[in-house]
Amino acid sequence: MALVNHELPINALQTYLQKIGLATEAVQIELLVGGLSNPTYKISIGQQRYVLRKKPPGKLLPSAHAIDREYRVMQALANSTVPVPEMINYCEDETIIGTPFYLMRFLDGRVLTDQSLPGMTRQERRQIYCEMNRVLTEIHALDFVASGLETFGKPGNYFARQIGRWSKQVQQATIPIPSALSKLIEWLPNQIPEGDETTLVHGDFRLDNLIFDSKEPRIIGVLDWELSTLGHPVADFAYQCMAWRIPLSLWRGIGGLNLQELGIPSEKEYVEMYEERTGRKIAGHWNFYLAYNFFRIAAILHGVAQRAVDGNTNATDAKENGEKAGLLAEIGLVCAGIKN
């Protein structure tokens, strides 16, 4: 089956950009991301640079690729302590380029993809990790009501709702469910810790969704808010901490690396940083939080595999990443203390 074409209709886009006062000269387009999530493009107009992010074409799973929510949350964070790009415009008219899209200011900085941070000194690596920890605590400390995000999600009962949502999405797919993922779907609902807390959560906070200053170990933009909502902050934090359990050979992780030699904080130290910054004590249910997140990422990748089968993705590694769903779910079983 042919892959989806992510080329933009440049004439229609230029006409639209002229209409909203952005395009005064020829528009140049460069595909930045056309993969597992929302296709993303760099738009150059003279000396001005923007980013266009759109829904992918074709049949999509329910509630997936919510670029309207991305736009809303980043717009709400414009004057907060959480660094985000400047939002320019949201367009829901599908006749322009085929799907809804939004425009934001291009941030010129570093996007780091390898979590072992090759080429850096021990001190530089530590500073990068400390900065990630700091910015995530800023997200969780935000007054979401004052920011106009009180209706951005349902407060309370977060784990039960999320487990139900992702379980349903897995079960709606037509491809086989990995056995480890099935076991997590069965185990998790009965293990939810007592007590609850609600903050803004990013939902996909990891190194390559951040833009760092070109020289300093400082985050200038948090991107990819597609999965953001109101939810439990420790769930959001534990999502990032999966990296310590994932071998680099499997996916984008640092599991098995000599972290002390690299200067990267251990998982225990990174958790303690977060606890000290936030006052939260999370060690008692840490295995649940990790198992939940391995279930969630496995469910997401199961959806990626479904899109690959349907031919509704342009990512060359979509099928490969989809196959990782079972392997990541198996790590979740280890966290939960369950044999597969």
C-alpha atoms as a PDB file:
ATOM      1  CA  MET A   1       0.000   0.000   0.000  1.00  0.00           C
ATOM      2  CA  ALA A   2       1.380   3.447  -0.866  1.00  0.00           C
ATOM      3  CA  LEU A   3       2.500   5.737   1.909  1.00  0.00           C
ATOM      4  CA  VAL A   4       0.691   8.991   2.558  1.00  0.00           C
ATOM      5  CA  ASN A   5       2.138  11.997   0.718  1.00  0.00           C
ATOM      6  CA  HIS A   6       2.951  14.810   3.161  1.00  0.00           C
ATOM      7  CA  GLU A   7       3.714  17.479   0.538  1.00  0.00           C
ATOM      8  CA  LEU A   8       1.853  20.747   1.073  1.00  0.00           C
ATOM      9  CA  PRO A   9      -0.088  22.562  -1.680  1.00  0.00           C
ATOM     10  CA  ILE A  10       2.233  25.573  -1.760  1.00  0.00           C
ATOM     11  CA  ASN A  11       0.005  27.880  -3.826  1.00  0.00           C
ATOM     12  CA  ALA A  12      -3.006  27.444  -1.541  1.00  0.00           C
ATOM     13  CA  LEU A  13      -0.808  27.881   1.523  1.00  0.00           C
ATOM     14  CA  GLN A  14       0.830  31.028   0.133  1.00  0.00           C
ATOM     15  CA  THR A  15      -2.582  32.522  -0.601  1.00  0.00           C
ATOM     16  CA  TYR A  16      -3.692  31.811   2.969  1.00  0.00           C
ATOM     17  CA  LEU A  17      -0.488  33.259   4.448  1.00  0.00           C
ATOM     18  CA  GLN A  18      -0.968  36.416   2.383  1.00  0.00           C
ATOM     19  CA  LYS A  19      -4.545  36.649   3.643  1.00  0.00           C
ATOM     20  CA  ILE A  20      -3.429  36.643   7.295  1.00  0.00           C
ATOM     21  CA  GLY A  21      -0.602  39.095   6.574  1.00  0.00           C
ATOM     22  CA  LEU A  22       2.417  36.793   6.816  1.00  0.00           C
ATOM     23  CA  ALA A  23       3.479  36.118   3.230  1.00  0.00           C
ATOM     24  CA  THR A  24       4.857  39.212   1.532  1.00  0.00           C
ATOM     25  CA  GLU A  25       7.329  37.241  -0.599  1.00  0.00           C
ATOM     26  CA  ALA A  26       7.844  33.678  -1.843  1.00  0.00           C
ATOM     27  CA  VAL A  27       7.231  30.871   0.664  1.00  0.00           C
ATOM     28  CA  GLN A  28       9.767  28.074   1.129  1.00  0.00           C
ATOM     29  CA  ILE A  29       8.726  24.819   2.819  1.00  0.00           C
ATOM     30  CA  GLU A  30      10.879  22.179   4.506  1.00  0.00           C
ATOM     31  CA  LEU A  31       9.458  18.991   6.074  1.00  0.00           C
ATOM     32  CA  LEU A  32      10.750  18.702   9.644  1.00  0.00           C
ATOM     33  CA  VAL A  33       8.672  15.790  10.943  1.00  0.00           C
ATOM     34  CA  GLY A  34       6.429  13.522   8.900  1.00  0.00           C
ATOM     35  CA  GLY A  35       6.431  10.552  11.177  1.00  0.00           C
ATOM     36  CA  LEU A  36       4.545   9.032  14.050  1.00  0.00           C
ATOM     37  CA  SER A  37       2.706  12.162  15.095  1.00  0.00           C
ATOM     38  CA  ASN A  38       1.650  15.348  13.351  1.00  0.00           C
ATOM     39  CA  PRO A  39       3.535  16.349  10.174  1.00  0.00           C
ATOM     40  CA  THR A  40       5.590  19.455  10.904  1.00  0.00           C
ATOM     41  CA  TYR A  41       7.146  21.916   8.454  1.00  0.00           C
ATOM     42  CA  LYS A  42       9.525  24.864   8.548  1.00  0.00           C
ATOM     43  CA  ILE A  43       8.053  27.797   6.634  1.00  0.00           C
ATOM     44  CA  SER A  44      10.513  30.477   5.475  1.00  0.00           C
ATOM     45  CA  ILE A  45       9.249  33.832   4.208  1.00  0.00           C
ATOM     46  CA  GLY A  46      12.200  36.134   3.574  1.00  0.00           C
ATOM     47  CA  GLN A  47      14.008  36.452   6.901  1.00  0.00           C
ATOM     48  CA  GLN A  48      10.989  35.258   8.913  1.00  0.00           C
ATOM     49  CA  ARG A  49      10.709  31.601   9.896  1.00  0.00           C
ATOM     50  CA  TYR A  50       7.656  29.778  11.208  1.00  0.00           C
ATOM     51  CA  VAL A  51       6.606  26.222  11.953  1.00  0.00           C
ATOM     52  CA  LEU A  52       3.429  24.724  10.504  1.00  0.00           C
ATOM     53  CA  ARG A  53       2.037  21.670  12.273  1.00  0.00           C
ATOM     54  CA  LYS A  54      -0.940  19.778  10.866  1.00  0.00           C
ATOM     55  CA  LYS A  55      -3.029  16.705  11.375  1.00  0.00           C
ATOM     56  CA  PRO A  56      -1.982  13.795   9.171  1.00  0.00           C
ATOM     57  CA  PRO A  57      -4.402  12.884   6.383  1.00  0.00           C
ATOM     58  CA  GLY A  58      -6.533   9.766   6.257  1.00  0.00           C
ATOM     59  CA  LYS A  59      -8.459   7.786   8.852  1.00  0.00           C
ATOM     60  CA  LEU A  60      -7.243   8.484  12.405  1.00  0.00           C
ATOM     61  CA  LEU A  61      -7.893   6.830  15.745  1.00  0.00           C
ATOM     62  CA  PRO A  62     -10.423   8.671  17.954  1.00  0.00           C
ATOM     63  CA  SER A  63      -8.961  11.660  19.871  1.00  0.00           C
ATOM     64  CA  ALA A  64      -5.542  11.238  18.205  1.00  0.00           C
ATOM     65  CA  HIS A  65      -3.492  14.109  16.703  1.00  0.00           C
ATOM     66  CA  ALA A  66      -5.269  16.837  18.653  1.00  0.00           C
ATOM     67  CA  ILE A  67      -3.429  19.835  17.241  1.00  0.00           C
ATOM     68  CA  ASP A  68      -6.187  22.171  18.441  1.00  0.00           C
ATOM     69  CA  ARG A  69      -5.277  21.201  22.005  1.00  0.00           C
ATOM     70  CA  GLU A  70      -1.584  21.734  21.279  1.00  0.00           C
ATOM     71  CA  TYR A  71      -2.299  25.228  20.041  1.00  0.00           C
ATOM     72  CA  ARG A  72      -4.565  26.035  22.978  1.00  0.00           C
ATOM     73  CA  VAL A  73      -2.141  24.949  25.678  1.00  0.00           C
ATOM     74  CA  MET A  74       0.909  26.661  24.182  1.00  0.00           C
ATOM     75  CA  GLN A  75      -1.085  29.840  23.686  1.00  0.00           C
ATOM     76  CA  ALA A  76      -2.135  29.671  27.360  1.00  0.00           C
ATOM     77  CA  LEU A  77       1.503  29.258  28.451  1.00  0.00           C
ATOM     78  CA  ALA A  78       2.747  32.275  26.493  1.00  0.00           C
ATOM     79  CA  ASN A  79       3.528  34.413  29.541  1.00  0.00           C
ATOM     80  CA  SER A  80       4.241  31.633  32.027  1.00  0.00           C
ATOM     81  CA  THR A  81       7.450  30.159  33.450  1.00  0.00           C
ATOM     82  CA  VAL A  82       7.136  27.296  30.953  1.00  0.00           C
ATOM     83  CA  PRO A  83       9.036  28.144  27.732  1.00  0.00           C
ATOM     84  CA  VAL A  84       6.983  27.647  24.550  1.00  0.00           C
ATOM     85  CA  PRO A  85       7.103  29.091  21.009  1.00  0.00           C
ATOM     86  CA  GLU A  86       4.925  32.067  20.116  1.00  0.00           C
ATOM     87  CA  MET A  87       1.623  30.915  18.626  1.00  0.00           C
ATOM     88  CA  ILE A  88       0.655  32.750  15.419  1.00  0.00           C
ATOM     89  CA  ASN A  89      -2.570  31.301  14.028  1.00  0.00           C
ATOM     90  CA  TYR A  90      -4.850  28.244  14.084  1.00  0.00           C
ATOM     91  CA  CYS A  91      -6.777  27.184  10.964  1.00  0.00           C
ATOM     92  CA  GLU A  92      -9.487  24.530  11.076  1.00  0.00           C
ATOM     93  CA  ASP A  93     -10.423  24.963   7.393  1.00  0.00           C
ATOM     94  CA  GLU A  94      -9.481  21.638   5.792  1.00  0.00           C
ATOM     95  CA  THR A  95      -9.760  23.057   2.270  1.00  0.00           C
ATOM     96  CA  ILE A  96      -6.496  25.017   2.577  1.00  0.00           C
ATOM     97  CA  ILE A  97      -3.948  22.179   2.875  1.00  0.00           C
ATOM     98  CA  GLY A  98      -6.172  19.144   3.447  1.00  0.00           C
ATOM     99  CA  THR A  99      -6.303  19.040   7.269  1.00  0.00           C
ATOM    100  CA  PRO A 100      -6.437  21.580  10.136  1.00  0.00           C
ATOM    101  CA  PHE A 101      -3.104  23.191  11.073  1.00  0.00           C
ATOM    102  CA  TYR A 102      -1.491  25.866  13.179  1.00  0.00           C
ATOM    103  CA  LEU A 103       1.452  28.227  12.823  1.00  0.00           C
ATOM    104  CA  MET A 104       4.005  29.142  15.457  1.00  0.00           C
ATOM    105  CA  ARG A 105       7.284  31.037  15.576  1.00  0.00           C
ATOM    106  CA  PHE A 106      10.379  28.987  14.703  1.00  0.00           C
ATOM    107  CA  LEU A 107      12.830  28.653  17.603  1.00  0.00           C
ATOM    108  CA  ASP A 108      16.486  28.558  16.597  1.00  0.00           C
ATOM    109  CA  GLY A 109      18.214  26.234  19.051  1.00  0.00           C
ATOM    110  CA  ARG A 110      19.393  22.682  19.654  1.00  0.00           C
ATOM    111  CA  VAL A 111      17.192  19.599  19.395  1.00  0.00           C
ATOM    112  CA  LEU A 112      19.023  16.744  21.139  1.00  0.00           C
ATOM    113  CA  THR A 113      17.890  13.237  20.233  1.00  0.00           C
ATOM    114  CA  ASP A 114      20.430  10.876  21.820  1.00  0.00           C
ATOM    115  CA  GLN A 115      19.828  10.804  25.582  1.00  0.00           C
ATOM    116  CA  SER A 116      23.419   9.763  26.242  1.00  0.00           C
ATOM    117  CA  LEU A 117      24.375  13.226  24.876  1.00  0.00           C
ATOM    118  CA  PRO A 118      27.493  12.228  22.922  1.00  0.00           C
ATOM    119  CA  GLY A 119      30.184  14.855  22.506  1.00  0.00           C
ATOM    120  CA  MET A 120      29.340  16.635  25.766  1.00  0.00           C
ATOM    121  CA  THR A 121      31.338  16.816  28.975  1.00  0.00           C
ATOM    122  CA  ARG A 122      30.125  15.162  32.183  1.00  0.00           C
ATOM    123  CA  GLN A 123      29.173  18.585  33.551  1.00  0.00           C
ATOM    124  CA  GLU A 124      27.249  19.544  30.396  1.00  0.00           C
ATOM    125  CA  ARG A 125      25.246  16.304  30.490  1.00  0.00           C
ATOM    126  CA  ARG A 126      24.345  16.819  34.122  1.00  0.00           C
ATOM    127  CA  GLN A 127      23.251  20.406  33.431  1.00  0.00           C
ATOM    128  CA  ILE A 128      20.982  19.236  30.587  1.00  0.00           C
ATOM    129  CA  TYR A 129      19.286  16.656  32.846  1.00  0.00           C
ATOM    130  CA  CYS A 130      18.922  19.112  35.730  1.00  0.00           C
ATOM    131  CA  GLU A 131      17.296  21.598  33.343  1.00  0.00           C
ATOM    132  CA  MET A 132      14.803  18.986  32.111  1.00  0.00           C
ATOM    133  CA  ASN A 133      13.906  18.171  35.704  1.00  0.00           C
ATOM    134  CA  ARG A 134      13.452  21.869  36.509  1.00  0.00           C
ATOM    135  CA  VAL A 135      11.207  22.635  33.522  1.00  0.00           C
ATOM    136  CA  LEU A 136       8.988  19.625  34.152  1.00  0.00           C
ATOM    137  CA  THR A 137       8.447  20.802  37.732  1.00  0.00           C
ATOM    138  CA  GLU A 138       7.504  24.236  36.327  1.00  0.00           C
ATOM    139  CA  ILE A 139       4.809  22.583  34.199  1.00  0.00           C
ATOM    140  CA  HIS A 140       3.450  20.778  37.258  1.00  0.00           C
ATOM    141  CA  ALA A 141       3.580  23.942  39.394  1.00  0.00           C
ATOM    142  CA  LEU A 142       1.583  26.008  36.909  1.00  0.00           C
ATOM    143  CA  ASP A 143      -1.765  27.424  38.061  1.00  0.00           C
ATOM    144  CA  PHE A 144      -3.820  25.927  35.233  1.00  0.00           C
ATOM    145  CA  VAL A 145      -6.997  27.702  36.342  1.00  0.00           C
ATOM    146  CA  ALA A 146      -5.339  31.129  36.206  1.00  0.00           C
ATOM    147  CA  SER A 147      -3.946  30.168  32.797  1.00  0.00           C
ATOM    148  CA  GLY A 148      -7.444  29.491  31.444  1.00  0.00           C
ATOM    149  CA  LEU A 149      -6.963  25.728  31.255  1.00  0.00           C
ATOM    150  CA  GLU A 150      -9.524  24.667  33.848  1.00  0.00           C
ATOM    151  CA  THR A 151     -11.543  22.939  31.102  1.00  0.00           C
ATOM    152  CA  PHE A 152      -8.489  21.371  29.447  1.00  0.00           C
ATOM    153  CA  GLY A 153      -9.192  18.001  31.075  1.00  0.00           C
ATOM    154  CA  LYS A 154     -11.187  16.307  33.810  1.00  0.00           C
ATOM    155  CA  PRO A 155      -9.684  16.726  37.280  1.00  0.00           C
ATOM    156  CA  GLY A 156      -9.344  13.582  39.370  1.00  0.00           C
ATOM    157  CA  ASN A 157      -9.487   9.840  38.681  1.00  0.00           C
ATOM    158  CA  TYR A 158      -6.713  10.282  36.128  1.00  0.00           C
ATOM    159  CA  PHE A 159      -5.200   6.798  36.131  1.00  0.00           C
ATOM    160  CA  ALA A 160      -8.533   4.993  35.829  1.00  0.00           C
ATOM    161  CA  ARG A 161      -9.586   7.211  32.933  1.00  0.00           C
ATOM    162  CA  GLN A 162      -6.272   6.926  31.114  1.00  0.00           C
ATOM    163  CA  ILE A 163      -6.037   3.168  31.576  1.00  0.00           C
ATOM    164  CA  GLY A 164      -9.575   2.866  30.223  1.00  0.00           C
ATOM    165  CA  ARG A 165      -8.871   5.180  27.291  1.00  0.00           C
ATOM    166  CA  TRP A 166      -5.690   3.482  26.105  1.00  0.00           C
ATOM    167  CA  SER A 167      -7.054  -0.011  26.733  1.00  0.00           C
ATOM    168  CA  LYS A 168     -10.052   0.797  24.555  1.00  0.00           C
ATOM    169  CA  GLN A 169      -7.808   2.159  21.809  1.00  0.00           C
ATOM    170  CA  VAL A 170      -5.706  -1.010  21.840  1.00  0.00           C
ATOM    171  CA  GLN A 171      -8.800  -3.190  21.723  1.00  0.00           C
ATOM    172  CA  GLN A 172     -10.301  -1.175  18.845  1.00  0.00           C
ATOM    173  CA  ALA A 173      -7.287  -1.902  16.639  1.00  0.00           C
ATOM    174  CA  THR A 174      -7.456  -4.827  14.235  1.00  0.00           C
ATOM    175  CA  ILE A 175      -3.892  -6.111  14.718  1.00  0.00           C
ATOM    176  CA  PRO A 176      -2.986  -8.722  17.403  1.00  0.00           C
ATOM    177  CA  ILE A 177      -2.368  -7.415  20.935  1.00  0.00           C
ATOM    178  CA  PRO A 178       1.025  -8.404  22.461  1.00  0.00           C
ATOM    179  CA  SER A 179       0.525 -10.697  25.462  1.00  0.00           C
ATOM    180  CA  ALA A 180       2.508  -8.408  27.789  1.00  0.00           C
ATOM    181  CA  LEU A 181       0.250  -5.496  26.871  1.00  0.00           C
ATOM    182  CA  SER A 182      -2.844  -7.604  27.523  1.00  0.00           C
ATOM    183  CA  LYS A 183      -1.518  -8.506  30.978  1.00  0.00           C
ATOM    184  CA  LEU A 184      -0.883  -4.863  31.844  1.00  0.00           C
ATOM    185  CA  ILE A 185      -4.413  -3.976  30.710  1.00  0.00           C
ATOM    186  CA  GLU A 186      -5.700  -6.577  33.168  1.00  0.00           C
ATOM    187  CA  TRP A 187      -3.331  -5.737  36.058  1.00  0.00           C
ATOM    188  CA  LEU A 188      -3.275  -1.942  36.161  1.00  0.00           C
ATOM    189  CA  PRO A 189      -6.923  -1.070  37.043  1.00  0.00           C
ATOM    190  CA  ASN A 190      -6.654  -2.922  40.376  1.00  0.00           C
ATOM    191  CA  GLN A 191      -3.324  -1.368  41.390  1.00  0.00           C
ATOM    192  CA  ILE A 192      -4.110   2.358  41.283  1.00  0.00           C
ATOM    193  CA  PRO A 193      -2.689   4.077  44.404  1.00  0.00           C
ATOM    194  CA  GLU A 194      -5.011   5.926  46.754  1.00  0.00           C
ATOM    195  CA  GLY A 195      -4.993   9.708  46.733  1.00  0.00           C
ATOM    196  CA  ASP A 196      -5.087  12.009  43.754  1.00  0.00           C
ATOM    197  CA  GLU A 197      -3.638  15.254  42.475  1.00  0.00           C
ATOM    198  CA  THR A 198      -4.297  17.318  39.370  1.00  0.00           C
ATOM    199  CA  THR A 199      -1.889  19.542  37.455  1.00  0.00           C
ATOM    200  CA  LEU A 200      -1.199  20.316  33.835  1.00  0.00           C
ATOM    201  CA  VAL A 201       0.696  17.348  32.355  1.00  0.00           C
ATOM    202  CA  HIS A 202       2.651  17.397  29.111  1.00  0.00           C
ATOM    203  CA  GLY A 203       2.086  13.739  28.287  1.00  0.00           C
ATOM    204  CA  ASP A 204       5.226  13.261  26.162  1.00  0.00           C
ATOM    205  CA  PHE A 205       7.998  15.058  28.045  1.00  0.00           C
ATOM    206  CA  ARG A 206      11.335  13.778  26.754  1.00  0.00           C
ATOM    207  CA  LEU A 207      14.635  15.117  25.458  1.00  0.00           C
ATOM    208  CA  ASP A 208      13.777  15.312  21.763  1.00  0.00           C
ATOM    209  CA  ASN A 209      10.576  17.262  22.410  1.00  0.00           C
ATOM    210  CA  LEU A 210      12.625  20.126  23.836  1.00  0.00           C
ATOM    211  CA  ILE A 211      14.588  22.928  22.197  1.00  0.00           C
ATOM    212  CA  PHE A 212      17.698  24.050  24.056  1.00  0.00           C
ATOM    213  CA  ASP A 213      19.531  27.334  23.684  1.00  0.00           C
ATOM    214  CA  SER A 214      22.275  27.041  21.052  1.00  0.00           C
ATOM    215  CA  LYS A 215      25.001  27.451  23.680  1.00  0.00           C
ATOM    216  CA  GLU A 216      23.571  27.301  27.188  1.00  0.00           C
ATOM    217  CA  PRO A 217      22.001  24.264  28.926  1.00  0.00           C
ATOM    218  CA  ARG A 218      18.677  26.128  28.964  1.00  0.00           C
ATOM    219  CA  ILE A 219      15.355  25.016  27.482  1.00  0.00           C
ATOM    220  CA  ILE A 220      13.843  27.698  25.239  1.00  0.00           C
ATOM    221  CA  GLY A 221      10.859  25.696  24.018  1.00  0.00           C
ATOM    222  CA  VAL A 222       8.773  22.706  25.091  1.00  0.00           C
ATOM    223  CA  LEU A 223       7.114  21.161  22.019  1.00  0.00           C
ATOM    224  CA  ASP A 224       4.673  18.374  21.086  1.00  0.00           C
ATOM    225  CA  TRP A 225       1.819  18.988  23.527  1.00  0.00           C
ATOM    226  CA  GLU A 226      -0.491  16.639  21.609  1.00  0.00           C
ATOM    227  CA  LEU A 227      -1.007  14.356  24.638  1.00  0.00           C
ATOM    228  CA  SER A 228      -1.238  17.136  27.242  1.00  0.00           C
ATOM    229  CA  THR A 229      -4.195  17.324  29.599  1.00  0.00           C
ATOM    230  CA  LEU A 230      -5.033  17.814  33.277  1.00  0.00           C
ATOM    231  CA  GLY A 231      -3.717  14.805  35.127  1.00  0.00           C
ATOM    232  CA  HIS A 232      -1.464  13.335  37.769  1.00  0.00           C
ATOM    233  CA  PRO A 233       1.966  14.997  37.819  1.00  0.00           C
ATOM    234  CA  VAL A 234       3.849  11.862  38.900  1.00  0.00           C
ATOM    235  CA  ALA A 235       2.458   9.971  35.908  1.00  0.00           C
ATOM    236  CA  ASP A 236       3.982  12.685  33.717  1.00  0.00           C
ATOM    237  CA  PHE A 237       7.295  12.546  35.568  1.00  0.00           C
ATOM    238  CA  ALA A 238       7.498   8.747  35.487  1.00  0.00           C
ATOM    239  CA  TYR A 239       6.934   8.828  31.722  1.00  0.00           C
ATOM    240  CA  GLN A 240      10.251  10.604  31.270  1.00  0.00           C
ATOM    241  CA  CYS A 241      11.915   8.244  33.732  1.00  0.00           C
ATOM    242  CA  MET A 242      11.165   5.223  31.562  1.00  0.00           C
ATOM    243  CA  ALA A 243      14.385   6.166  29.756  1.00  0.00           C
ATOM    244  CA  TRP A 244      16.427   4.777  32.655  1.00  0.00           C
ATOM    245  CA  ARG A 245      14.782   1.349  32.120  1.00  0.00           C
ATOM    246  CA  ILE A 246      14.920   1.248  28.292  1.00  0.00           C
ATOM    247  CA  PRO A 247      18.154  -0.058  26.730  1.00  0.00           C
ATOM    248  CA  LEU A 248      19.604   2.174  24.034  1.00  0.00           C
ATOM    249  CA  SER A 249      19.592  -0.856  21.716  1.00  0.00           C
ATOM    250  CA  LEU A 250      15.789  -1.119  22.044  1.00  0.00           C
ATOM    251  CA  TRP A 251      14.776   2.503  21.705  1.00  0.00           C
ATOM    252  CA  ARG A 252      15.620   6.009  22.901  1.00  0.00           C
ATOM    253  CA  GLY A 253      16.802   5.077  26.405  1.00  0.00           C
ATOM    254  CA  ILE A 254      19.837   5.152  28.670  1.00  0.00           C
ATOM    255  CA  GLY A 255      19.266   1.799  30.407  1.00  0.00           C
ATOM    256  CA  GLY A 256      22.488  -0.151  30.876  1.00  0.00           C
ATOM    257  CA  LEU A 257      24.810   2.809  30.224  1.00  0.00           C
ATOM    258  CA  ASN A 258      27.507   3.858  32.693  1.00  0.00           C
ATOM    259  CA  LEU A 259      25.655   6.937  33.915  1.00  0.00           C
ATOM    260  CA  GLN A 260      28.257   7.865  36.510  1.00  0.00           C
ATOM    261  CA  GLU A 261      30.948   7.960  33.852  1.00  0.00           C
ATOM    262  CA  LEU A 262      28.699  10.020  31.573  1.00  0.00           C
ATOM    263  CA  GLY A 263      27.730  12.462  34.325  1.00  0.00           C
ATOM    264  CA  ILE A 264      24.013  11.679  33.938  1.00  0.00           C
ATOM    265  CA  PRO A 265      22.037  11.424  37.207  1.00  0.00           C
ATOM    266  CA  SER A 266      20.910   7.948  38.220  1.00  0.00           C
ATOM    267  CA  GLU A 267      17.165   7.241  38.236  1.00  0.00           C
ATOM    268  CA  LYS A 268      17.192   7.451  42.042  1.00  0.00           C
ATOM    269  CA  GLU A 269      18.970  10.807  41.980  1.00  0.00           C
ATOM    270  CA  TYR A 270      16.674  12.179  39.288  1.00  0.00           C
ATOM    271  CA  VAL A 271      13.612  11.140  41.315  1.00  0.00           C
ATOM    272  CA  GLU A 272      15.080  12.764  44.427  1.00  0.00           C
ATOM    273  CA  MET A 273      15.633  16.011  42.478  1.00  0.00           C
ATOM    274  CA  TYR A 274      11.962  16.048  41.542  1.00  0.00           C
ATOM    275  CA  GLU A 275      10.856  15.218  45.092  1.00  0.00           C
ATOM    276  CA  GLU A 276      13.003  18.008  46.504  1.00  0.00           C
ATOM    277  CA  ARG A 277      11.694  20.560  44.005  1.00  0.00           C
ATOM    278  CA  THR A 278       8.025  19.626  44.399  1.00  0.00           C
ATOM    279  CA  GLY A 279       7.727  18.256  47.940  1.00  0.00           C
ATOM    280  CA  ARG A 280       6.073  15.103  46.571  1.00  0.00           C
ATOM    281  CA  LYS A 281       7.045  11.721  48.003  1.00  0.00           C
ATOM    282  CA  ILE A 282       6.586   9.161  45.262  1.00  0.00           C
ATOM    283  CA  ALA A 283       8.849   6.217  46.066  1.00  0.00           C
ATOM    284  CA  GLY A 284       6.123   4.018  47.578  1.00  0.00           C
ATOM    285  CA  HIS A 285       4.224   3.507  44.317  1.00  0.00           C
ATOM    286  CA  TRP A 286       7.081   4.033  41.861  1.00  0.00           C
ATOM    287  CA  ASN A 287       6.731   0.588  40.262  1.00  0.00           C
ATOM    288  CA  PHE A 288       3.068   1.250  39.471  1.00  0.00           C
ATOM    289  CA  TYR A 289       3.849   4.625  37.901  1.00  0.00           C
ATOM    290  CA  LEU A 290       6.504   3.045  35.690  1.00  0.00           C
ATOM    291  CA  ALA A 291       4.338   0.045  34.745  1.00  0.00           C
ATOM    292  CA  TYR A 292       1.482   2.397  33.853  1.00  0.00           C
ATOM    293  CA  ASN A 293       3.737   4.409  31.554  1.00  0.00           C
ATOM    294  CA  PHE A 294       5.163   1.363  29.822  1.00  0.00           C
ATOM    295  CA  PHE A 295       1.567   0.263  29.215  1.00  0.00           C
ATOM    296  CA  ARG A 296       0.730   3.694  27.829  1.00  0.00           C
ATOM    297  CA  ILE A 297       3.699   3.959  25.459  1.00  0.00           C
ATOM    298  CA  ALA A 298       3.067   0.377  24.320  1.00  0.00           C
ATOM    299  CA  ALA A 299      -0.550   1.326  23.575  1.00  0.00           C
ATOM    300  CA  ILE A 300       0.592   4.374  21.612  1.00  0.00           C
ATOM    301  CA  LEU A 301       3.037   2.299  19.561  1.00  0.00           C
ATOM    302  CA  HIS A 302       0.364  -0.337  19.003  1.00  0.00           C
ATOM    303  CA  GLY A 303      -1.617   2.462  17.367  1.00  0.00           C
ATOM    304  CA  VAL A 304       1.438   3.323  15.261  1.00  0.00           C
ATOM    305  CA  ALA A 305       1.581  -0.293  14.103  1.00  0.00           C
ATOM    306  CA  GLN A 306      -2.102  -0.094  13.166  1.00  0.00           C
ATOM    307  CA  ARG A 307      -1.440   3.038  11.099  1.00  0.00           C
ATOM    308  CA  ALA A 308       1.433   1.265   9.336  1.00  0.00           C
ATOM    309  CA  VAL A 309      -0.865  -1.646   8.449  1.00  0.00           C
ATOM    310  CA  ASP A 310      -3.480   0.814   7.213  1.00  0.00           C
ATOM    311  CA  GLY A 311      -0.846   2.620   5.119  1.00  0.00           C
ATOM    312  CA  ASN A 312      -1.674   5.855   6.896  1.00  0.00           C
ATOM    313  CA  THR A 313       1.816   7.043   7.812  1.00  0.00           C
ATOM    314  CA  ASN A 314       4.842   8.336   5.975  1.00  0.00           C
ATOM    315  CA  ALA A 315       7.382   7.267   8.620  1.00  0.00           C
ATOM    316  CA  THR A 316       9.753   4.652   7.271  1.00  0.00           C
ATOM    317  CA  ASP A 317      10.236   3.240  10.766  1.00  0.00           C
ATOM    318  CA  ALA A 318       6.545   3.193  11.752  1.00  0.00           C
ATOM    319  CA  LYS A 319       6.224  -0.581  11.454  1.00  0.00           C
ATOM    320  CA  GLU A 320       9.479  -1.109  13.357  1.00  0.00           C
ATOM    321  CA  ASN A 321       8.398   1.249  16.146  1.00  0.00           C
ATOM    322  CA  GLY A 322       5.010  -0.428  16.285  1.00  0.00           C
ATOM    323  CA  GLU A 323       6.715  -3.761  16.889  1.00  0.00           C
ATOM    324  CA  LYS A 324       8.399  -2.252  19.955  1.00  0.00           C
ATOM    325  CA  ALA A 325       5.006  -2.145  21.697  1.00  0.00           C
ATOM    326  CA  GLY A 326       5.328  -5.704  22.986  1.00  0.00           C
ATOM    327  CA  LEU A 327       8.966  -5.277  24.076  1.00  0.00           C
ATOM    328  CA  LEU A 328       8.176  -2.122  26.049  1.00  0.00           C
ATOM    329  CA  ALA A 329       5.121  -3.753  27.614  1.00  0.00           C
ATOM    330  CA  GLU A 330       7.425  -6.553  28.771  1.00  0.00           C
ATOM    331  CA  ILE A 331       9.561  -4.006  30.642  1.00  0.00           C
ATOM    332  CA  GLY A 332       6.320  -2.776  32.212  1.00  0.00           C
ATOM    333  CA  LEU A 333       5.622  -6.314  33.436  1.00  0.00           C
ATOM    334  CA  VAL A 334       9.084  -6.408  35.043  1.00  0.00           C
ATOM    335  CA  CYS A 335       8.278  -3.120  36.842  1.00  0.00           C
ATOM    336  CA  ALA A 336       4.976  -4.634  37.985  1.00  0.00           C
ATOM    337  CA  GLY A 337       6.674  -7.854  39.123  1.00  0.00           C
ATOM    338  CA  ILE A 338       4.638 -10.003  36.714  1.00  0.00           C
ATOM    339  CA  LYS A 339       5.987 -12.876  34.642  1.00  0.00           C
ATOM    340  CA  ASN A 340       5.036 -12.870  30.968  1.00  0.00           C
END
